């Protein structure tokens, strides 16, 4: 089947010209995602407010204040967790010290400025890249800018400066926006920094390593694998330091429960983006369509973003807790941009699924 001309993208979607059976399968997948998204409406309500736990924010702010006064990170964090009746075992109840140590050395006004600057730079990098490679006309560029703003709006809320994922998520998005074939070193370095701030960035590092290996870019793959190994070394020393300040009488974390399904990702992603301003029954299918839209971007970048978002969706659906938002925060900066690619993707899939052309063989007798 001949690829139809694009509606408002520079090129037709990844689905342009595909066969009828595959097109129908993908349309079924899109419908299934939308259907599953409505599960978010029937989930139990979390024990807190369903968004950012105020107690966590106060905990991390207190740790930074104690470090600023000259305290040791692991001792201060152990004391703060005990005072707040938090579990202290296993080691992942302690966040990596990177962000808190840096924040303790900087004035609060500078932290707020850096937070806004990071979100702004990330948005501009992505808008410039998509404008030059994906979206063509001014309306599409404007919609892209709005979608980027809708995903990054949480990251200019300077009152959340102490929360790790609100720094790691824009760093991950910036890393992915800067990465190009043959130009990946800066991207890997920024991705590693994100991982040293929030362990949840490990999903991104793994996705990038897998894609580089699959594309035959061995040097790049080794670079991402090296970043993962270095992250593992840091995490090992972190676990040893946690063990030195905790004991068998400290409460044990309940572990990852979960199995709440795709609806939990949908609800969490809605709360982490501008979709929190609309009813959940409207936000739910929008999240599903945005995720599907990234699959339709013909550029290999689209598959990388789709794989990363899918990774976070699977982890939240399988292991997430009702009151947890942090994993979804990692998906927030880029999620809504997928809506930009939905019109071309669905048009191309529908055209392929309904294709009724037949090949006619005519025999001519001379």
Protein backbone atom coordinates (compact mmCIF):
# COMPACT_ATOMS: atom_id res chain seq x y z
CA UNK A 1 0.00 0.00 0.00
CA UNK A 2 1.30 3.45 -0.93
CA UNK A 3 1.98 5.76 1.98
CA UNK A 4 -0.53 8.64 2.16
CA UNK A 5 0.81 12.20 2.49
CA UNK A 6 1.11 13.45 6.08
CA UNK A 7 -1.62 15.54 7.66
CA UNK A 8 0.55 17.97 9.60
CA UNK A 9 3.80 16.15 10.28
CA UNK A 10 6.86 16.41 8.07
CA UNK A 11 6.58 12.73 7.17
CA UNK A 12 3.85 10.14 7.31
CA UNK A 13 3.61 8.13 10.49
CA UNK A 14 5.41 4.86 11.12
CA UNK A 15 2.16 3.13 10.15
CA UNK A 16 1.88 4.60 6.67
CA UNK A 17 1.83 1.87 4.04
CA UNK A 18 1.66 -1.11 6.41
CA UNK A 19 -0.44 -4.18 5.60
CA UNK A 20 -4.09 -4.53 6.47
CA UNK A 21 -3.73 -7.30 9.14
CA UNK A 22 -1.02 -5.42 11.02
CA UNK A 23 -2.99 -2.17 10.80
CA UNK A 24 -6.05 -3.83 12.30
CA UNK A 25 -3.91 -5.34 15.05
CA UNK A 26 -2.49 -1.92 15.96
CA UNK A 27 -5.92 -0.31 15.91
CA UNK A 28 -7.02 -3.03 18.28
CA UNK A 29 -4.05 -2.23 20.51
CA UNK A 30 -5.01 1.46 20.56
CA UNK A 31 -8.59 0.56 21.45
CA UNK A 32 -7.38 -1.80 24.18
CA UNK A 33 -5.17 0.90 25.73
CA UNK A 34 -8.10 3.31 25.78
CA UNK A 35 -10.35 0.68 27.33
CA UNK A 36 -7.78 -0.24 29.97
CA UNK A 37 -7.23 3.41 30.81
CA UNK A 38 -10.75 3.64 32.25
CA UNK A 39 -9.65 1.22 34.96
CA UNK A 40 -8.25 4.34 36.63
CA UNK A 41 -11.82 5.35 37.48
CA UNK A 42 -12.36 2.25 39.62
CA UNK A 43 -9.13 2.13 41.63
CA UNK A 44 -9.30 2.55 45.40
CA UNK A 45 -8.42 6.00 46.68
CA UNK A 46 -4.95 6.34 48.23
CA UNK A 47 -4.56 6.93 51.93
CA UNK A 48 -3.09 10.37 51.25
CA UNK A 49 -4.18 12.99 48.77
CA UNK A 50 -3.26 10.94 45.71
CA UNK A 51 -0.55 13.37 44.72
CA UNK A 52 2.70 14.38 46.37
CA UNK A 53 2.93 13.21 49.96
CA UNK A 54 3.49 16.32 52.03
CA UNK A 55 5.27 14.24 54.64
CA UNK A 56 7.87 13.11 52.10
CA UNK A 57 8.49 16.68 51.03
CA UNK A 58 9.00 17.78 54.63
CA UNK A 59 11.26 14.78 55.22
CA UNK A 60 13.61 15.67 52.36
CA UNK A 61 13.58 19.36 53.23
CA UNK A 62 14.54 18.48 56.81
CA UNK A 63 17.41 16.29 55.61
CA UNK A 64 18.79 19.09 53.44
CA UNK A 65 18.54 21.56 56.35
CA UNK A 66 20.40 19.17 58.64
CA UNK A 67 23.13 18.67 56.03
CA UNK A 68 23.42 22.44 55.67
CA UNK A 69 24.04 22.59 59.40
CA UNK A 70 26.93 20.15 59.07
CA UNK A 71 25.30 16.74 59.57
CA UNK A 72 26.33 13.47 57.93
CA UNK A 73 23.87 12.34 55.25
CA UNK A 74 23.31 8.76 56.36
CA UNK A 75 23.12 9.57 60.07
CA UNK A 76 20.78 12.50 59.44
CA UNK A 77 18.56 10.48 57.11
CA UNK A 78 18.33 7.54 59.54
CA UNK A 79 17.34 9.89 62.37
CA UNK A 80 14.77 11.64 60.16
CA UNK A 81 13.22 8.37 59.01
CA UNK A 82 12.95 7.12 62.59
CA UNK A 83 11.39 10.38 63.74
CA UNK A 84 8.80 10.17 60.96
CA UNK A 85 8.01 6.49 61.60
CA UNK A 86 9.31 5.51 58.18
CA UNK A 87 10.81 2.08 57.49
CA UNK A 88 14.60 1.99 57.35
CA UNK A 89 15.14 -1.40 55.74
CA UNK A 90 15.88 -2.24 52.99
CA UNK A 91 18.47 0.20 51.64
CA UNK A 92 16.12 1.65 49.01
CA UNK A 93 14.24 3.47 51.77
CA UNK A 94 17.22 5.86 51.75
CA UNK A 95 17.47 7.97 48.61
CA UNK A 96 20.90 8.40 47.06
CA UNK A 97 22.69 11.33 48.71
CA UNK A 98 23.62 13.17 45.50
CA UNK A 99 20.74 15.63 45.34
CA UNK A 100 20.57 16.41 49.07
CA UNK A 101 24.33 17.06 49.31
CA UNK A 102 24.25 19.43 46.33
CA UNK A 103 21.13 21.22 47.57
CA UNK A 104 22.64 21.71 51.02
CA UNK A 105 25.53 23.63 49.46
CA UNK A 106 23.34 26.02 47.44
CA UNK A 107 21.08 28.90 48.51
CA UNK A 108 17.31 28.26 48.15
CA UNK A 109 16.86 31.05 45.60
CA UNK A 110 19.46 29.48 43.33
CA UNK A 111 17.75 26.08 43.66
CA UNK A 112 14.46 27.57 42.49
CA UNK A 113 16.16 29.27 39.55
CA UNK A 114 17.96 26.07 38.57
CA UNK A 115 14.72 24.09 38.71
CA UNK A 116 12.95 26.52 36.38
CA UNK A 117 15.97 26.75 34.09
CA UNK A 118 16.24 22.95 33.78
CA UNK A 119 12.58 22.57 32.84
CA UNK A 120 12.79 25.49 30.38
CA UNK A 121 15.94 24.23 28.67
CA UNK A 122 14.45 20.75 28.37
CA UNK A 123 11.31 22.15 26.76
CA UNK A 124 13.27 24.32 24.32
CA UNK A 125 15.57 21.44 23.30
CA UNK A 126 12.60 19.23 22.53
CA UNK A 127 10.61 21.94 20.76
CA UNK A 128 13.58 22.76 18.53
CA UNK A 129 14.22 19.10 17.76
CA UNK A 130 10.61 18.24 16.96
CA UNK A 131 10.20 21.43 14.92
CA UNK A 132 13.17 20.51 12.76
CA UNK A 133 12.51 16.77 12.47
CA UNK A 134 8.84 15.97 13.05
CA UNK A 135 6.29 18.79 12.96
CA UNK A 136 6.03 21.05 9.96
CA UNK A 137 3.31 23.70 10.03
CA UNK A 138 2.89 26.46 12.61
CA UNK A 139 -0.29 24.93 14.13
CA UNK A 140 1.56 21.67 14.78
CA UNK A 141 4.49 23.54 16.32
CA UNK A 142 2.14 25.47 18.62
CA UNK A 143 0.34 22.30 19.69
CA UNK A 144 3.71 20.67 20.36
CA UNK A 145 4.74 23.62 22.54
CA UNK A 146 1.48 23.38 24.50
CA UNK A 147 1.93 19.63 25.04
CA UNK A 148 5.50 20.14 26.23
CA UNK A 149 4.34 22.83 28.64
CA UNK A 150 1.58 20.53 29.90
CA UNK A 151 4.12 17.82 30.68
CA UNK A 152 6.69 20.14 32.26
CA UNK A 153 4.34 22.31 34.30
CA UNK A 154 5.01 20.35 37.49
CA UNK A 155 8.75 20.94 37.17
CA UNK A 156 8.52 24.69 37.61
CA UNK A 157 6.73 24.32 40.96
CA UNK A 158 9.71 25.41 42.99
CA UNK A 159 8.12 24.34 46.26
CA UNK A 160 8.87 20.75 45.21
CA UNK A 161 12.62 21.36 44.98
CA UNK A 162 13.47 18.67 47.56
CA UNK A 163 11.86 15.78 45.66
CA UNK A 164 14.32 13.73 43.64
CA UNK A 165 12.22 12.81 40.61
CA UNK A 166 11.44 16.47 39.95
CA UNK A 167 15.10 16.87 39.02
CA UNK A 168 15.76 13.46 37.49
CA UNK A 169 12.77 13.47 35.11
CA UNK A 170 13.70 16.63 33.17
CA UNK A 171 17.31 15.46 33.10
CA UNK A 172 16.20 12.18 31.49
CA UNK A 173 14.11 14.09 28.95
CA UNK A 174 17.01 16.44 28.23
CA UNK A 175 19.37 13.50 27.79
CA UNK A 176 17.04 11.86 25.30
CA UNK A 177 16.48 15.12 23.42
CA UNK A 178 20.21 15.69 23.00
CA UNK A 179 21.02 12.16 21.87
CA UNK A 180 21.64 11.67 18.15
CA UNK A 181 23.33 8.88 16.18
CA UNK A 182 27.06 9.16 16.77
CA UNK A 183 26.56 11.90 19.35
CA UNK A 184 25.64 10.19 22.59
CA UNK A 185 28.37 10.93 25.16
CA UNK A 186 26.73 14.04 26.62
CA UNK A 187 23.41 12.23 26.61
CA UNK A 188 24.80 9.28 28.53
CA UNK A 189 26.51 11.59 31.04
CA UNK A 190 23.27 13.48 31.73
CA UNK A 191 21.38 10.19 31.99
CA UNK A 192 23.89 8.94 34.56
CA UNK A 193 23.49 12.15 36.58
CA UNK A 194 19.73 11.56 36.56
CA UNK A 195 20.33 8.04 37.84
CA UNK A 196 22.56 9.28 40.65
CA UNK A 197 19.76 11.63 41.71
CA UNK A 198 16.87 9.18 41.46
CA UNK A 199 17.19 5.42 41.10
CA UNK A 200 14.05 5.42 38.96
CA UNK A 201 16.13 6.75 36.04
CA UNK A 202 17.64 3.27 35.69
CA UNK A 203 14.73 2.34 33.40
CA UNK A 204 15.87 4.99 30.94
CA UNK A 205 19.51 3.86 31.02
CA UNK A 206 18.48 0.28 30.28
CA UNK A 207 16.21 1.31 27.39
CA UNK A 208 18.99 3.36 25.78
CA UNK A 209 21.51 0.53 26.12
CA UNK A 210 19.11 -2.00 24.56
CA UNK A 211 18.28 0.26 21.61
CA UNK A 212 21.92 1.10 20.94
CA UNK A 213 22.81 -2.60 20.96
CA UNK A 214 19.86 -3.51 18.73
CA UNK A 215 20.85 -0.85 16.19
CA UNK A 216 24.42 -2.16 16.03
CA UNK A 217 25.94 0.95 17.66
CA UNK A 218 28.29 -1.08 19.81
CA UNK A 219 30.39 1.82 21.10
CA UNK A 220 27.29 3.68 22.22
CA UNK A 221 25.86 0.52 23.77
CA UNK A 222 29.04 0.01 25.77
CA UNK A 223 28.79 3.63 26.91
CA UNK A 224 25.27 3.15 28.25
CA UNK A 225 26.21 -0.20 29.79
CA UNK A 226 29.17 1.53 31.46
CA UNK A 227 26.78 4.13 32.90
CA UNK A 228 24.59 1.33 34.26
CA UNK A 229 27.59 -0.44 35.82
CA UNK A 230 28.82 2.78 37.42
CA UNK A 231 25.32 3.35 38.78
CA UNK A 232 25.43 -0.18 40.20
CA UNK A 233 28.76 0.49 41.92
CA UNK A 234 27.40 3.66 43.52
CA UNK A 235 24.27 1.82 44.60
CA UNK A 236 26.38 -0.90 46.21
CA UNK A 237 28.36 1.60 48.30
CA UNK A 238 25.08 3.31 49.13
CA UNK A 239 23.64 0.02 50.43
CA UNK A 240 26.76 -0.53 52.57
CA UNK A 241 26.46 2.96 54.06
CA UNK A 242 22.79 2.39 54.86
CA UNK A 243 23.62 -0.91 56.58
CA UNK A 244 26.09 0.94 58.82
CA UNK A 245 23.40 3.22 60.29
CA UNK A 246 20.51 0.74 60.56
CA UNK A 247 19.96 -2.32 62.69
CA UNK A 248 17.71 -5.36 63.00
CA UNK A 249 15.26 -3.49 65.24
CA UNK A 250 14.54 -0.85 62.60
CA UNK A 251 11.23 -1.39 60.77
CA UNK A 252 11.31 -3.26 57.48
CA UNK A 253 9.73 -1.78 54.37
CA UNK A 254 6.65 -3.65 53.20
CA UNK A 255 8.15 -4.08 49.74
CA UNK A 256 6.53 -3.51 46.39
CA UNK A 257 2.93 -4.58 46.44
CA UNK A 258 1.05 -3.40 43.39
CA UNK A 259 -0.72 -5.28 40.61
CA UNK A 260 -3.15 -2.38 40.27
CA UNK A 261 -2.85 -2.46 36.49
CA UNK A 262 -2.57 0.11 33.72
CA UNK A 263 -5.12 2.32 35.42
CA UNK A 264 -2.65 3.23 38.17
CA UNK A 265 -0.17 4.52 35.59
CA UNK A 266 -2.95 6.50 33.94
CA UNK A 267 -4.09 8.07 37.19
CA UNK A 268 -0.54 8.82 38.35
CA UNK A 269 0.44 10.31 34.97
CA UNK A 270 -2.67 12.49 35.03
CA UNK A 271 -1.71 13.85 38.45
CA UNK A 272 1.87 14.50 37.30
CA UNK A 273 0.89 16.59 34.27
CA UNK A 274 -1.54 19.36 33.35
CA UNK A 275 -4.23 16.67 32.96
CA UNK A 276 -4.84 16.97 36.70
CA UNK A 277 -6.98 20.00 35.77
CA UNK A 278 -9.56 17.87 33.92
CA UNK A 279 -11.80 15.04 35.15
CA UNK A 280 -10.17 11.64 35.19
CA UNK A 281 -12.68 10.19 32.74
CA UNK A 282 -11.38 12.70 30.19
CA UNK A 283 -7.71 12.42 31.17
CA UNK A 284 -7.63 8.61 31.05
CA UNK A 285 -8.09 8.09 27.27
CA UNK A 286 -5.81 11.07 26.61
CA UNK A 287 -2.96 9.34 28.47
CA UNK A 288 -3.57 6.13 26.50
CA UNK A 289 -3.60 7.98 23.17
CA UNK A 290 -0.46 9.92 24.06
CA UNK A 291 1.41 6.71 24.82
CA UNK A 292 0.21 5.18 21.55
CA UNK A 293 1.07 8.33 19.61
CA UNK A 294 4.79 8.02 20.34
CA UNK A 295 4.75 4.61 18.65
CA UNK A 296 3.65 6.30 15.45
CA UNK A 297 6.53 8.76 15.10
CA UNK A 298 8.58 7.48 12.16
CA UNK A 299 11.87 8.72 13.60
CA UNK A 300 13.70 6.10 15.74
CA UNK A 301 13.41 8.63 18.55
CA UNK A 302 9.71 7.78 18.75
CA UNK A 303 10.36 4.15 19.61
CA UNK A 304 12.88 5.12 22.28
CA UNK A 305 10.39 7.42 23.99
CA UNK A 306 7.59 4.87 23.60
CA UNK A 307 9.77 2.13 25.12
CA UNK A 308 10.75 4.32 28.07
CA UNK A 309 7.14 5.34 28.76
CA UNK A 310 6.00 1.74 28.41
CA UNK A 311 8.70 0.66 30.86
CA UNK A 312 7.44 3.06 33.50
CA UNK A 313 3.83 2.08 32.76
CA UNK A 314 4.61 -1.62 33.23
CA UNK A 315 6.49 -1.05 36.48
CA UNK A 316 3.72 1.11 37.93
CA UNK A 317 1.03 -1.32 36.78
CA UNK A 318 2.87 -4.25 38.35
CA UNK A 319 4.59 -2.86 41.44
CA UNK A 320 3.17 0.61 42.05
CA UNK A 321 1.38 1.65 45.23
CA UNK A 322 -1.77 3.72 45.25
CA UNK A 323 -0.15 6.65 47.02
CA UNK A 324 3.02 6.67 44.90
CA UNK A 325 3.49 9.23 42.15
CA UNK A 326 7.24 9.26 41.66
CA UNK A 327 7.50 6.67 38.87
CA UNK A 328 4.87 8.52 36.83
CA UNK A 329 6.75 11.78 37.34
CA UNK A 330 9.58 10.24 35.31
CA UNK A 331 7.22 9.82 32.36
CA UNK A 332 5.56 13.23 32.65
CA UNK A 333 7.85 15.58 30.63
CA UNK A 334 7.35 13.84 27.27
CA UNK A 335 4.12 11.89 27.64
CA UNK A 336 1.63 14.45 26.33
CA UNK A 337 3.72 15.23 23.24
CA UNK A 338 2.63 11.86 21.90
CA UNK A 339 -0.78 13.42 21.19
CA UNK A 340 0.83 15.42 18.38
CA UNK A 341 1.43 12.19 16.44
CA UNK A 342 -2.01 10.68 17.01
CA UNK A 343 -3.89 12.26 14.02
CA UNK A 344 -1.42 10.99 11.40
CA UNK A 345 -1.01 7.64 13.13
CA UNK A 346 -4.74 6.90 13.36
CA UNK A 347 -5.39 8.21 9.84
CA UNK A 348 -2.68 5.95 8.39
CA UNK A 349 -3.84 2.93 10.38
CA UNK A 350 -7.47 3.45 9.40
CA UNK A 351 -6.57 3.85 5.75
CA UNK A 352 -4.53 0.65 5.82
CA UNK A 353 -7.15 -1.30 7.76
CA UNK A 354 -9.91 -0.32 5.31
CA UNK A 355 -7.87 -0.76 2.16
CA UNK A 356 -10.02 -2.63 -0.36
CA UNK A 357 -7.87 -2.47 -3.42
CA UNK A 358 -7.53 -5.72 -5.32
CA UNK A 359 -4.89 -6.80 -7.75
CA UNK A 360 -6.47 -7.73 -11.09
CA UNK A 361 -4.72 -10.03 -13.46
CA UNK A 362 -5.82 -9.64 -17.06
CA UNK A 363 -4.95 -12.22 -19.66
CA UNK A 364 -4.49 -10.89 -23.16
CA UNK A 365 -4.72 -13.38 -26.05
CA UNK A 366 -3.02 -12.25 -29.23
